[in-house]
Amino acid sequence: MDFAALLEPAIKFFSEGVGKIIADFARMLYEILYPANAEPAHPIEIPK
């Protein structure tokens, strides 16, 4: 299976036109929902 042949159309779609708008919108949503400056996860004690 040639992954390059599978990924090439998707990369081309998301690089120009409507696909680029969709990719930019998805990236914006991701950055809003998961900000880089969020506090790190911390362990929670589970009672026994």
PDB file of N, CA and C in Angstrom:
ATOM      1  N   MET A   1       0.849  -1.173   0.000  1.00  0.00           N
ATOM      2  CA  MET A   1       0.000   0.000   0.000  1.00  0.00           C
ATOM      3  C   MET A   1       0.897   1.239   0.000  1.00  0.00           C
ATOM      4  N   ASP A   2       0.657   2.127  -0.924  1.00  0.00           N
ATOM      5  CA  ASP A   2       1.460   3.330  -1.084  1.00  0.00           C
ATOM      6  C   ASP A   2       0.781   4.495  -0.364  1.00  0.00           C
ATOM      7  N   PHE A   3       1.314   4.846   0.805  1.00  0.00           N
ATOM      8  CA  PHE A   3       0.707   5.911   1.598  1.00  0.00           C
ATOM      9  C   PHE A   3       0.828   7.270   0.913  1.00  0.00           C
ATOM     10  N   ALA A   4       1.881   7.456   0.146  1.00  0.00           N
ATOM     11  CA  ALA A   4       2.052   8.725  -0.563  1.00  0.00           C
ATOM     12  C   ALA A   4       0.898   8.935  -1.546  1.00  0.00           C
ATOM     13  N   ALA A   5       0.475   7.868  -2.201  1.00  0.00           N
ATOM     14  CA  ALA A   5      -0.638   7.974  -3.150  1.00  0.00           C
ATOM     15  C   ALA A   5      -1.944   8.277  -2.422  1.00  0.00           C
ATOM     16  N   LEU A   6      -2.077   7.809  -1.191  1.00  0.00           N
ATOM     17  CA  LEU A   6      -3.284   8.073  -0.412  1.00  0.00           C
ATOM     18  C   LEU A   6      -3.289   9.485   0.172  1.00  0.00           C
ATOM     19  N   LEU A   7      -2.135   9.948   0.622  1.00  0.00           N
ATOM     20  CA  LEU A   7      -2.062  11.241   1.287  1.00  0.00           C
ATOM     21  C   LEU A   7      -1.966  12.424   0.330  1.00  0.00           C
ATOM     22  N   GLU A   8      -1.426  12.204  -0.845  1.00  0.00           N
ATOM     23  CA  GLU A   8      -1.218  13.315  -1.775  1.00  0.00           C
ATOM     24  C   GLU A   8      -2.497  14.088  -2.095  1.00  0.00           C
ATOM     25  N   PRO A   9      -3.624  13.429  -2.438  1.00  0.00           N
ATOM     26  CA  PRO A   9      -4.839  14.205  -2.714  1.00  0.00           C
ATOM     27  C   PRO A   9      -5.340  14.986  -1.501  1.00  0.00           C
ATOM     28  N   ALA A  10      -5.226  14.409  -0.309  1.00  0.00           N
ATOM     29  CA  ALA A  10      -5.675  15.102   0.904  1.00  0.00           C
ATOM     30  C   ALA A  10      -4.794  16.316   1.183  1.00  0.00           C
ATOM     31  N   ILE A  11      -3.491  16.157   1.040  1.00  0.00           N
ATOM     32  CA  ILE A  11      -2.576  17.282   1.263  1.00  0.00           C
ATOM     33  C   ILE A  11      -2.839  18.378   0.250  1.00  0.00           C
ATOM     34  N   LYS A  12      -3.047  17.999  -0.997  1.00  0.00           N
ATOM     35  CA  LYS A  12      -3.324  18.992  -2.038  1.00  0.00           C
ATOM     36  C   LYS A  12      -4.632  19.726  -1.757  1.00  0.00           C
ATOM     37  N   PHE A  13      -5.673  18.984  -1.312  1.00  0.00           N
ATOM     38  CA  PHE A  13      -6.971  19.595  -1.010  1.00  0.00           C
ATOM     39  C   PHE A  13      -6.849  20.616   0.115  1.00  0.00           C
ATOM     40  N   PHE A  14      -6.146  20.252   1.199  1.00  0.00           N
ATOM     41  CA  PHE A  14      -6.036  21.134   2.356  1.00  0.00           C
ATOM     42  C   PHE A  14      -4.975  22.216   2.184  1.00  0.00           C
ATOM     43  N   SER A  15      -4.335  22.289   1.024  1.00  0.00           N
ATOM     44  CA  SER A  15      -3.316  23.301   0.773  1.00  0.00           C
ATOM     45  C   SER A  15      -3.829  24.488  -0.024  1.00  0.00           C
ATOM     46  N   GLU A  16      -5.019  24.363  -0.609  1.00  0.00           N
ATOM     47  CA  GLU A  16      -5.499  25.438  -1.479  1.00  0.00           C
ATOM     48  C   GLU A  16      -7.026  25.508  -1.479  1.00  0.00           C
ATOM     49  N   GLY A  17      -7.544  26.686  -1.775  1.00  0.00           N
ATOM     50  CA  GLY A  17      -8.983  26.883  -1.953  1.00  0.00           C
ATOM     51  C   GLY A  17      -9.804  26.623  -0.704  1.00  0.00           C
ATOM     52  N   VAL A  18     -10.942  25.960  -0.905  1.00  0.00           N
ATOM     53  CA  VAL A  18     -11.879  25.676   0.184  1.00  0.00           C
ATOM     54  C   VAL A  18     -11.237  24.768   1.235  1.00  0.00           C
ATOM     55  N   GLY A  19     -10.430  23.847   0.803  1.00  0.00           N
ATOM     56  CA  GLY A  19      -9.756  22.956   1.740  1.00  0.00           C
ATOM     57  C   GLY A  19      -8.869  23.713   2.710  1.00  0.00           C
ATOM     58  N   LYS A  20      -8.193  24.752   2.233  1.00  0.00           N
ATOM     59  CA  LYS A  20      -7.343  25.565   3.107  1.00  0.00           C
ATOM     60  C   LYS A  20      -8.190  26.313   4.129  1.00  0.00           C
ATOM     61  N   ILE A  21      -9.344  26.799   3.712  1.00  0.00           N
ATOM     62  CA  ILE A  21     -10.242  27.486   4.647  1.00  0.00           C
ATOM     63  C   ILE A  21     -10.710  26.514   5.730  1.00  0.00           C
ATOM     64  N   ILE A  22     -11.072  25.300   5.332  1.00  0.00           N
ATOM     65  CA  ILE A  22     -11.505  24.281   6.290  1.00  0.00           C
ATOM     66  C   ILE A  22     -10.365  23.944   7.250  1.00  0.00           C
ATOM     67  N   ALA A  23      -9.161  23.756   6.725  1.00  0.00           N
ATOM     68  CA  ALA A  23      -8.007  23.420   7.569  1.00  0.00           C
ATOM     69  C   ALA A  23      -7.691  24.552   8.540  1.00  0.00           C
ATOM     70  N   ASP A  24      -7.732  25.797   8.066  1.00  0.00           N
ATOM     71  CA  ASP A  24      -7.454  26.936   8.949  1.00  0.00           C
ATOM     72  C   ASP A  24      -8.503  27.054  10.046  1.00  0.00           C
ATOM     73  N   PHE A  25      -9.769  26.812   9.710  1.00  0.00           N
ATOM     74  CA  PHE A  25     -10.844  26.866  10.704  1.00  0.00           C
ATOM     75  C   PHE A  25     -10.661  25.754  11.744  1.00  0.00           C
ATOM     76  N   ALA A  26     -10.335  24.558  11.294  1.00  0.00           N
ATOM     77  CA  ALA A  26     -10.118  23.439  12.221  1.00  0.00           C
ATOM     78  C   ALA A  26      -8.924  23.730  13.128  1.00  0.00           C
ATOM     79  N   ARG A  27      -7.862  24.318  12.567  1.00  0.00           N
ATOM     80  CA  ARG A  27      -6.686  24.661  13.366  1.00  0.00           C
ATOM     81  C   ARG A  27      -7.031  25.718  14.406  1.00  0.00           C
ATOM     82  N   MET A  28      -7.866  26.697  14.015  1.00  0.00           N
ATOM     83  CA  MET A  28      -8.276  27.748  14.944  1.00  0.00           C
ATOM     84  C   MET A  28      -9.095  27.150  16.095  1.00  0.00           C
ATOM     85  N   LEU A  29     -10.032  26.262  15.776  1.00  0.00           N
ATOM     86  CA  LEU A  29     -10.824  25.617  16.828  1.00  0.00           C
ATOM     87  C   LEU A  29      -9.937  24.824  17.780  1.00  0.00           C
ATOM     88  N   TYR A  30      -8.979  24.095  17.233  1.00  0.00           N
ATOM     89  CA  TYR A  30      -8.073  23.303  18.058  1.00  0.00           C
ATOM     90  C   TYR A  30      -7.270  24.205  18.997  1.00  0.00           C
ATOM     91  N   GLU A  31      -6.778  25.334  18.471  1.00  0.00           N
ATOM     92  CA  GLU A  31      -5.989  26.246  19.301  1.00  0.00           C
ATOM     93  C   GLU A  31      -6.837  26.895  20.384  1.00  0.00           C
ATOM     94  N   ILE A  32      -8.119  27.137  20.118  1.00  0.00           N
ATOM     95  CA  ILE A  32      -9.006  27.720  21.130  1.00  0.00           C
ATOM     96  C   ILE A  32      -9.337  26.691  22.205  1.00  0.00           C
ATOM     97  N   LEU A  33      -9.642  25.466  21.793  1.00  0.00           N
ATOM     98  CA  LEU A  33     -10.056  24.439  22.749  1.00  0.00           C
ATOM     99  C   LEU A  33      -8.892  23.855  23.541  1.00  0.00           C
ATOM    100  N   TYR A  34      -7.710  23.827  22.950  1.00  0.00           N
ATOM    101  CA  TYR A  34      -6.545  23.239  23.605  1.00  0.00           C
ATOM    102  C   TYR A  34      -5.377  24.224  23.544  1.00  0.00           C
ATOM    103  N   PRO A  35      -5.409  25.281  24.345  1.00  0.00           N
ATOM    104  CA  PRO A  35      -4.342  26.286  24.281  1.00  0.00           C
ATOM    105  C   PRO A  35      -2.996  25.725  24.742  1.00  0.00           C
ATOM    106  N   ALA A  36      -1.946  26.251  24.162  1.00  0.00           N
ATOM    107  CA  ALA A  36      -0.596  25.775  24.470  1.00  0.00           C
ATOM    108  C   ALA A  36      -0.175  26.151  25.886  1.00  0.00           C
ATOM    109  N   ASN A  37      -0.771  27.193  26.464  1.00  0.00           N
ATOM    110  CA  ASN A  37      -0.362  27.633  27.792  1.00  0.00           C
ATOM    111  C   ASN A  37      -1.266  27.062  28.892  1.00  0.00           C
ATOM    112  N   ALA A  38      -1.959  25.989  28.606  1.00  0.00           N
ATOM    113  CA  ALA A  38      -2.820  25.361  29.603  1.00  0.00           C
ATOM    114  C   ALA A  38      -1.952  24.718  30.694  1.00  0.00           C
ATOM    115  N   GLU A  39      -2.508  24.612  31.884  1.00  0.00           N
ATOM    116  CA  GLU A  39      -1.772  23.985  32.980  1.00  0.00           C
ATOM    117  C   GLU A  39      -1.561  22.507  32.666  1.00  0.00           C
ATOM    118  N   PRO A  40      -0.423  21.976  33.089  1.00  0.00           N
ATOM    119  CA  PRO A  40      -0.163  20.553  32.833  1.00  0.00           C
ATOM    120  C   PRO A  40      -1.095  19.679  33.670  1.00  0.00           C
ATOM    121  N   ALA A  41      -1.303  18.487  33.198  1.00  0.00           N
ATOM    122  CA  ALA A  41      -2.132  17.532  33.928  1.00  0.00           C
ATOM    123  C   ALA A  41      -1.424  17.129  35.216  1.00  0.00           C
ATOM    124  N   HIS A  42      -2.200  16.825  36.216  1.00  0.00           N
ATOM    125  CA  HIS A  42      -1.620  16.381  37.466  1.00  0.00           C
ATOM    126  C   HIS A  42      -2.390  15.135  37.943  1.00  0.00           C
ATOM    127  N   PRO A  43      -1.682  14.245  38.608  1.00  0.00           N
ATOM    128  CA  PRO A  43      -2.317  12.995  39.040  1.00  0.00           C
ATOM    129  C   PRO A  43      -3.369  13.246  40.125  1.00  0.00           C
ATOM    130  N   ILE A  44      -4.397  12.457  40.090  1.00  0.00           N
ATOM    131  CA  ILE A  44      -5.466  12.526  41.090  1.00  0.00           C
ATOM    132  C   ILE A  44      -5.434  11.216  41.869  1.00  0.00           C
ATOM    133  N   GLU A  45      -5.411  11.345  43.194  1.00  0.00           N
ATOM    134  CA  GLU A  45      -5.391  10.131  44.008  1.00  0.00           C
ATOM    135  C   GLU A  45      -6.750   9.449  43.967  1.00  0.00           C
ATOM    136  N   ILE A  46      -6.720   8.155  43.750  1.00  0.00           N
ATOM    137  CA  ILE A  46      -7.943   7.365  43.730  1.00  0.00           C
ATOM    138  C   ILE A  46      -8.083   6.695  45.097  1.00  0.00           C
ATOM    139  N   PRO A  47      -9.175   6.963  45.813  1.00  0.00           N
ATOM    140  CA  PRO A  47      -9.327   6.340  47.132  1.00  0.00           C
ATOM    141  C   PRO A  47      -9.479   4.828  47.031  1.00  0.00           C
ATOM    142  N   LYS A  48      -8.923   4.144  48.018  1.00  0.00           N
ATOM    143  CA  LYS A  48      -9.003   2.677  48.014  1.00  0.00           C
ATOM    144  C   LYS A  48     -10.097   2.204  48.918  1.00  0.00           C
TER     145      LYS A  48
END
